[in-house]
Amino acid sequence: MFSFSCDYNEGAHPEILRRLMETNMQQEPGYGEDSFCTAAKEKIRAAMGCPEADVFFLLGGTQANATIIDAMLRSYEGVVAVQTGHIAVHEAGAVELNGHKVLTLPPHEGKMHAEELDDYLTRFFADPTWPHMVRPGMVYISYPTEYGTLYSKVELEDLYAVCRKFKMPLFVDGARLGYGLASIGCDLDLHQLAQLCDVFYIGGTKVGALCGEAVVFPKGNAPEQFFTIIKQHGALLAKGRLLGIQFDTLFTDNLYLRISRNAIDMAMQLKKMFSQNDIPFFIDSPTNQQFPILTKEQVEALKKNVAFEIWEPLPDGRIVTRFATSWATPISNILQLEKLVNSVCSQL
């Protein structure tokens, strides 16, 4: 049995494990005040060309999303996302638990359209009764989206222009940021991303680390007492060195992007293999998440030997599935899957 169910099935990149062992007995202060966190922050600032950026290391993606949103919104404000956005679907109401409603717009291949955001906000504030409603206070998107799609530089510029028009921050969830930046479909880099939002995070959990996300306020615009707010949300690690060592390693010699490219290469091989078997895709994803449409019989036959996600049923009875590659996916897994798919398609 092998798995394409998610992009964090494996542990951590060997270089991270080596450095964790190498530094294990070195005494360091806690709560992110260690030398490794300091070095990692400087490398991240240099990588995006923002020497004034505020950088914080949090335990995981849900903690990062919930903490950032709660810190940047007032009690009467909500966050705007698309209906398929991670905070609207897969975080068990973590944002709402903090008292902030997720206000949803229709997705377009997982993305938010700037003109629809503009129209929504214009209509909201034109309603004289809006003070009785949850006020939209920030905008949330992810890069890549839940469907593996990417915002172009122009699309991101347009969204950010709407956010500035209505004086609300744009937050980019970067849990899979490495896989977005490494994709051949990406037309921006870390420097440009930092200029086109108010806060984002660099995902480590899904991209080579044991755990951890690097939250970045690129303009030095972190909310007041953000460190304390992190602790209030249970997202502050006492042994912050664990996160610092990992991000220091990931941002040495371009390791973060180098290992991200493996996921893209393997995903493109996977995509080619399904296409050669005349299996259609629900969406054209240029990143590590692929969504082949299978029959019920194909799903039942494949899941005996390989793990993958059931994404959603279609009206005609077929099933949208998700196969995710990662920084660690070996070509042997792709070849093994190819044999299975070839066999299943020849029999069904």
Protein backbone atom coordinates (compact mmCIF):
# COMPACT_ATOMS: atom_id res chain seq x y z
CA MET A 1 0.00 0.00 0.00
CA PHE A 2 1.32 3.45 -0.89
CA SER A 3 -0.23 6.89 -0.70
CA PHE A 4 -1.07 9.99 -2.70
CA SER A 5 -3.66 11.10 -0.14
CA CYS A 6 -1.87 14.30 0.91
CA ASP A 7 1.45 16.13 0.75
CA TYR A 8 2.50 15.54 4.35
CA ASN A 9 2.61 11.76 4.54
CA GLU A 10 6.37 11.81 4.97
CA GLY A 11 8.35 13.26 7.88
CA ALA A 12 11.01 15.87 7.13
CA HIS A 13 13.75 16.44 4.59
CA PRO A 14 16.95 14.59 5.61
CA GLU A 15 18.93 17.83 5.83
CA ILE A 16 16.49 19.12 8.45
CA LEU A 17 16.83 15.91 10.45
CA ARG A 18 20.62 16.15 10.21
CA ARG A 19 20.62 19.69 11.55
CA LEU A 20 18.21 18.83 14.34
CA MET A 21 20.56 16.08 15.48
CA GLU A 22 23.64 18.23 15.00
CA THR A 23 22.27 21.03 17.21
CA ASN A 24 20.32 18.90 19.66
CA MET A 25 22.48 19.52 22.75
CA GLN A 26 23.07 23.22 22.04
CA GLN A 27 21.41 25.37 24.70
CA GLU A 28 19.17 28.12 23.35
CA PRO A 29 16.48 30.49 24.71
CA GLY A 30 12.84 29.52 24.22
CA TYR A 31 9.79 30.99 22.46
CA GLY A 32 11.56 31.87 19.22
CA GLU A 33 14.32 33.93 20.81
CA ASP A 34 16.97 31.41 19.78
CA SER A 35 19.76 31.97 17.27
CA PHE A 36 18.18 29.64 14.70
CA CYS A 37 14.94 31.61 14.54
CA THR A 38 16.93 34.83 14.23
CA ALA A 39 18.95 33.42 11.33
CA ALA A 40 15.86 32.00 9.62
CA LYS A 41 14.04 35.33 9.82
CA GLU A 42 16.95 37.13 8.19
CA LYS A 43 17.11 34.58 5.38
CA ILE A 44 13.37 34.89 4.74
CA ARG A 45 13.61 38.70 4.69
CA ALA A 46 16.49 38.48 2.23
CA ALA A 47 14.64 35.96 0.02
CA MET A 48 11.72 38.34 -0.48
CA GLY A 49 13.71 41.57 -0.41
CA CYS A 50 11.86 43.00 2.60
CA PRO A 51 14.39 43.86 5.34
CA GLU A 52 11.65 45.51 7.40
CA ALA A 53 9.33 42.46 7.43
CA ASP A 54 7.98 41.01 10.66
CA VAL A 55 8.38 37.21 10.73
CA PHE A 56 6.87 34.78 13.24
CA PHE A 57 6.98 30.98 13.43
CA LEU A 58 3.75 29.16 14.28
CA LEU A 59 3.04 25.47 14.72
CA GLY A 60 0.64 24.75 11.85
CA GLY A 61 -1.65 26.06 9.16
CA THR A 62 -4.92 26.12 11.08
CA GLN A 63 -3.25 27.91 13.97
CA ALA A 64 -1.72 30.41 11.54
CA ASN A 65 -5.03 31.12 9.80
CA ALA A 66 -7.05 31.45 13.00
CA THR A 67 -4.41 33.56 14.77
CA ILE A 68 -3.79 35.97 11.88
CA ILE A 69 -7.48 36.52 11.20
CA ASP A 70 -8.36 37.03 14.85
CA ALA A 71 -5.44 39.44 15.35
CA MET A 72 -6.33 41.59 12.35
CA LEU A 73 -10.11 41.81 12.76
CA ARG A 74 -12.28 43.64 15.24
CA SER A 75 -15.02 41.80 17.09
CA TYR A 76 -17.73 42.82 14.61
CA GLU A 77 -15.76 41.94 11.47
CA GLY A 78 -15.63 38.86 9.26
CA VAL A 79 -13.25 37.57 6.61
CA VAL A 80 -14.13 37.23 2.92
CA ALA A 81 -13.17 33.95 1.22
CA VAL A 82 -14.46 31.79 -1.62
CA GLN A 83 -16.84 28.98 -0.77
CA THR A 84 -14.13 26.37 -1.39
CA GLY A 85 -11.52 28.27 0.66
CA HIS A 86 -9.69 26.26 3.28
CA ILE A 87 -10.98 28.35 6.19
CA ALA A 88 -14.55 27.91 4.92
CA VAL A 89 -14.39 24.15 4.46
CA HIS A 90 -11.56 22.26 6.12
CA GLU A 91 -10.76 23.98 9.41
CA ALA A 92 -13.66 22.82 11.57
CA GLY A 93 -14.91 26.35 12.18
CA ALA A 94 -11.64 27.52 13.76
CA VAL A 95 -12.14 31.07 12.49
CA GLU A 96 -15.77 31.18 13.67
CA LEU A 97 -14.71 29.82 17.06
CA ASN A 98 -12.81 33.09 17.54
CA GLY A 99 -15.96 35.05 16.74
CA HIS A 100 -15.35 35.94 13.10
CA LYS A 101 -17.76 34.88 10.38
CA VAL A 102 -16.38 33.59 7.09
CA LEU A 103 -18.19 35.55 4.36
CA THR A 104 -18.14 33.56 1.13
CA LEU A 105 -18.10 34.38 -2.58
CA PRO A 106 -18.45 31.95 -5.50
CA PRO A 107 -15.19 30.23 -6.51
CA HIS A 108 -13.87 30.15 -10.06
CA GLU A 109 -11.61 27.11 -10.31
CA GLY A 110 -10.93 27.76 -6.63
CA LYS A 111 -10.12 31.45 -7.13
CA MET A 112 -11.77 34.71 -6.14
CA HIS A 113 -12.52 37.21 -8.91
CA ALA A 114 -11.60 40.82 -8.18
CA GLU A 115 -14.68 42.24 -9.90
CA GLU A 116 -16.99 40.08 -7.80
CA LEU A 117 -15.20 41.12 -4.63
CA ASP A 118 -15.53 44.76 -5.66
CA ASP A 119 -19.23 44.32 -6.43
CA TYR A 120 -19.87 42.53 -3.12
CA LEU A 121 -18.13 45.20 -1.05
CA THR A 122 -19.76 48.05 -2.99
CA ARG A 123 -23.23 46.60 -2.46
CA PHE A 124 -22.53 45.86 1.20
CA PHE A 125 -21.52 49.41 2.10
CA ALA A 126 -24.31 50.87 -0.05
CA ASP A 127 -26.85 49.13 2.18
CA PRO A 128 -27.88 51.66 4.85
CA THR A 129 -28.44 48.80 7.32
CA TRP A 130 -24.87 47.47 7.09
CA PRO A 131 -24.01 48.48 10.69
CA HIS A 132 -26.42 45.69 11.72
CA MET A 133 -24.39 43.12 9.79
CA VAL A 134 -21.03 41.39 10.07
CA ARG A 135 -18.67 43.84 8.41
CA PRO A 136 -16.13 42.42 5.92
CA GLY A 137 -12.78 43.33 7.42
CA MET A 138 -10.20 41.40 5.42
CA VAL A 139 -9.84 39.14 2.39
CA TYR A 140 -8.44 35.60 2.48
CA ILE A 141 -7.11 33.62 -0.47
CA SER A 142 -4.70 30.72 -0.75
CA TYR A 143 -1.79 30.22 -3.12
CA PRO A 144 -2.21 27.62 -4.55
CA THR A 145 -5.97 27.25 -4.10
CA GLU A 146 -7.73 24.17 -2.74
CA TYR A 147 -7.96 23.00 -6.35
CA GLY A 148 -4.27 23.48 -7.08
CA THR A 149 -4.85 26.52 -9.27
CA LEU A 150 -2.76 29.70 -9.19
CA TYR A 151 -3.53 33.39 -9.23
CA SER A 152 -1.63 35.16 -11.97
CA LYS A 153 0.33 38.29 -11.08
CA VAL A 154 -2.36 40.40 -12.76
CA GLU A 155 -5.16 38.65 -10.86
CA LEU A 156 -3.36 39.22 -7.58
CA GLU A 157 -2.74 42.87 -8.47
CA ASP A 158 -6.44 43.32 -9.21
CA LEU A 159 -7.50 41.72 -5.93
CA TYR A 160 -5.05 43.81 -3.96
CA ALA A 161 -6.29 46.96 -5.67
CA VAL A 162 -9.84 46.19 -4.48
CA CYS A 163 -8.57 45.54 -0.96
CA ARG A 164 -6.76 48.90 -0.91
CA LYS A 165 -9.84 50.62 -2.31
CA PHE A 166 -11.88 49.40 0.66
CA LYS A 167 -8.96 49.73 3.11
CA MET A 168 -8.87 46.10 4.16
CA PRO A 169 -5.89 43.74 4.32
CA LEU A 170 -5.28 40.88 1.91
CA PHE A 171 -4.13 37.63 3.54
CA VAL A 172 -2.52 34.87 1.46
CA ASP A 173 -2.53 31.36 2.92
CA GLY A 174 0.72 29.81 1.72
CA ALA A 175 0.45 26.33 3.22
CA ARG A 176 1.54 24.99 -0.20
CA LEU A 177 3.41 28.12 -1.27
CA GLY A 178 6.49 26.22 -2.40
CA TYR A 179 4.46 24.14 -4.82
CA GLY A 180 2.88 27.29 -6.22
CA LEU A 181 6.17 29.12 -6.74
CA ALA A 182 7.82 26.04 -8.26
CA SER A 183 5.04 25.47 -10.79
CA ILE A 184 5.57 26.25 -14.45
CA GLY A 185 2.21 28.04 -14.24
CA CYS A 186 3.57 30.60 -11.77
CA ASP A 187 4.36 34.07 -13.13
CA LEU A 188 5.46 35.74 -9.90
CA ASP A 189 8.14 35.24 -7.27
CA LEU A 190 8.45 35.71 -3.52
CA HIS A 191 9.51 39.35 -3.97
CA GLN A 192 6.36 40.16 -5.93
CA LEU A 193 4.06 38.21 -3.65
CA ALA A 194 5.35 40.19 -0.68
CA GLN A 195 4.43 43.43 -2.46
CA LEU A 196 0.91 42.29 -3.35
CA CYS A 197 -0.50 41.42 0.07
CA ASP A 198 -0.44 42.54 3.69
CA VAL A 199 0.28 39.18 5.30
CA PHE A 200 1.08 35.69 4.07
CA TYR A 201 2.72 32.59 5.38
CA ILE A 202 5.31 30.22 4.04
CA GLY A 203 4.15 26.66 4.58
CA GLY A 204 6.65 24.25 6.07
CA THR A 205 4.40 21.38 7.19
CA LYS A 206 3.52 20.42 3.60
CA VAL A 207 6.88 21.38 2.11
CA GLY A 208 9.67 19.47 3.80
CA ALA A 209 9.36 20.36 7.49
CA LEU A 210 8.15 18.23 10.37
CA CYS A 211 5.82 21.08 11.27
CA GLY A 212 5.61 24.84 11.22
CA GLU A 213 4.64 27.88 9.17
CA ALA A 214 6.49 31.18 8.79
CA VAL A 215 4.01 34.06 9.09
CA VAL A 216 5.23 37.18 7.30
CA PHE A 217 4.02 40.77 7.55
CA PRO A 218 6.14 42.09 4.65
CA LYS A 219 5.72 45.78 5.40
CA GLY A 220 6.61 45.53 9.09
CA ASN A 221 2.88 45.77 9.76
CA ALA A 222 2.31 43.06 12.35
CA PRO A 223 -0.63 43.75 14.69
CA GLU A 224 0.27 45.13 18.10
CA GLN A 225 1.29 42.40 20.56
CA PHE A 226 1.10 39.72 17.87
CA PHE A 227 3.54 37.56 19.82
CA THR A 228 1.14 37.55 22.78
CA ILE A 229 -1.82 36.80 20.50
CA ILE A 230 0.06 33.78 19.11
CA LYS A 231 0.45 32.46 22.63
CA GLN A 232 -3.22 33.07 23.42
CA HIS A 233 -4.11 30.87 20.45
CA GLY A 234 -1.89 28.00 21.56
CA ALA A 235 0.32 28.42 18.50
CA LEU A 236 3.55 29.42 20.26
CA LEU A 237 6.14 26.67 20.68
CA ALA A 238 8.27 26.86 23.82
CA LYS A 239 11.09 25.09 22.01
CA GLY A 240 10.89 27.54 19.13
CA ARG A 241 14.30 26.35 17.96
CA LEU A 242 12.51 23.38 16.35
CA LEU A 243 10.84 25.75 13.89
CA GLY A 244 13.83 28.04 13.52
CA ILE A 245 16.20 25.22 12.57
CA GLN A 246 13.75 23.92 9.99
CA PHE A 247 13.18 27.25 8.26
CA ASP A 248 16.85 28.18 8.48
CA THR A 249 17.58 24.93 6.64
CA LEU A 250 14.77 25.36 4.09
CA PHE A 251 16.01 28.86 3.23
CA THR A 252 19.65 27.83 2.85
CA ASP A 253 20.87 27.21 -0.71
CA ASN A 254 17.30 27.57 -2.06
CA LEU A 255 16.30 24.21 -0.56
CA TYR A 256 12.64 25.20 -0.18
CA LEU A 257 12.11 25.73 -3.91
CA ARG A 258 14.44 22.93 -4.97
CA ILE A 259 12.49 20.27 -3.11
CA SER A 260 9.17 21.83 -4.14
CA ARG A 261 10.04 21.20 -7.79
CA ASN A 262 10.07 17.46 -7.17
CA ALA A 263 6.38 17.58 -6.27
CA ILE A 264 5.61 19.43 -9.49
CA ASP A 265 7.69 17.08 -11.64
CA MET A 266 5.97 14.04 -10.12
CA ALA A 267 2.52 15.63 -10.47
CA MET A 268 3.11 16.27 -14.16
CA GLN A 269 4.15 12.64 -14.63
CA LEU A 270 1.00 11.57 -12.83
CA LYS A 271 -1.11 13.87 -14.96
CA LYS A 272 0.40 12.48 -18.14
CA MET A 273 -0.25 8.92 -17.01
CA PHE A 274 -3.95 9.51 -16.31
CA SER A 275 -4.36 11.37 -19.60
CA GLN A 276 -2.80 8.51 -21.55
CA ASN A 277 -5.51 6.27 -20.09
CA ASP A 278 -8.21 8.69 -21.30
CA ILE A 279 -9.10 9.66 -17.73
CA PRO A 280 -10.37 13.26 -17.63
CA PHE A 281 -9.60 15.86 -14.99
CA PHE A 282 -12.04 17.97 -13.02
CA ILE A 283 -9.74 20.97 -13.26
CA ASP A 284 -6.45 21.77 -14.98
CA SER A 285 -4.08 22.11 -12.05
CA PRO A 286 -0.45 23.16 -12.65
CA THR A 287 0.63 22.23 -9.12
CA ASN A 288 1.02 19.12 -6.94
CA GLN A 289 -2.71 18.42 -6.51
CA GLN A 290 -4.37 16.58 -9.40
CA PHE A 291 -8.08 15.80 -9.68
CA PRO A 292 -8.81 12.87 -12.02
CA ILE A 293 -12.44 11.86 -12.55
CA LEU A 294 -12.91 8.13 -11.98
CA THR A 295 -15.83 5.74 -12.15
CA LYS A 296 -17.00 4.06 -8.93
CA GLU A 297 -15.54 0.79 -10.21
CA GLN A 298 -12.15 2.39 -10.87
CA VAL A 299 -12.14 3.98 -7.40
CA GLU A 300 -12.93 0.65 -5.71
CA ALA A 301 -10.27 -1.19 -7.69
CA LEU A 302 -7.52 1.38 -7.11
CA LYS A 303 -8.10 1.95 -3.41
CA LYS A 304 -7.17 -1.66 -2.67
CA ASN A 305 -3.54 -0.72 -3.28
CA VAL A 306 -3.19 3.06 -3.19
CA ALA A 307 -4.52 5.77 -0.88
CA PHE A 308 -6.05 8.91 -2.40
CA GLU A 309 -8.79 11.40 -1.57
CA ILE A 310 -12.43 11.21 -2.59
CA TRP A 311 -13.11 14.86 -3.42
CA GLU A 312 -16.70 15.09 -4.61
CA PRO A 313 -19.34 13.06 -6.49
CA LEU A 314 -20.61 14.18 -9.88
CA PRO A 315 -24.28 14.04 -11.00
CA ASP A 316 -23.50 11.28 -13.50
CA GLY A 317 -22.19 8.96 -10.78
CA ARG A 318 -18.49 9.48 -11.45
CA ILE A 319 -16.21 10.68 -8.68
CA VAL A 320 -13.72 13.53 -8.52
CA THR A 321 -10.62 12.25 -6.74
CA ARG A 322 -7.46 14.00 -5.56
CA PHE A 323 -3.95 12.66 -5.92
CA ALA A 324 -1.29 14.79 -4.20
CA THR A 325 2.45 14.54 -4.70
CA SER A 326 5.05 16.03 -2.37
CA TRP A 327 8.67 17.07 -2.03
CA ALA A 328 9.44 13.42 -1.20
CA THR A 329 7.40 11.53 -3.81
CA PRO A 330 9.72 9.08 -5.61
CA ILE A 331 9.38 8.21 -9.28
CA SER A 332 8.92 4.57 -8.19
CA ASN A 333 5.52 5.50 -6.70
CA ILE A 334 4.45 7.08 -9.98
CA LEU A 335 5.52 4.00 -11.92
CA GLN A 336 3.75 1.72 -9.47
CA LEU A 337 0.57 3.78 -9.78
CA GLU A 338 0.89 3.72 -13.57
CA LYS A 339 0.87 -0.08 -13.57
CA LEU A 340 -2.22 -0.13 -11.37
CA VAL A 341 -4.10 2.42 -13.48
CA ASN A 342 -3.15 0.67 -16.72
CA SER A 343 -4.39 -2.63 -15.31
CA VAL A 344 -7.64 -1.19 -13.97
CA CYS A 345 -8.42 0.67 -17.19
CA SER A 346 -7.78 -2.41 -19.32
CA GLN A 347 -10.18 -4.50 -17.21
CA LEU A 348 -13.01 -1.99 -16.64
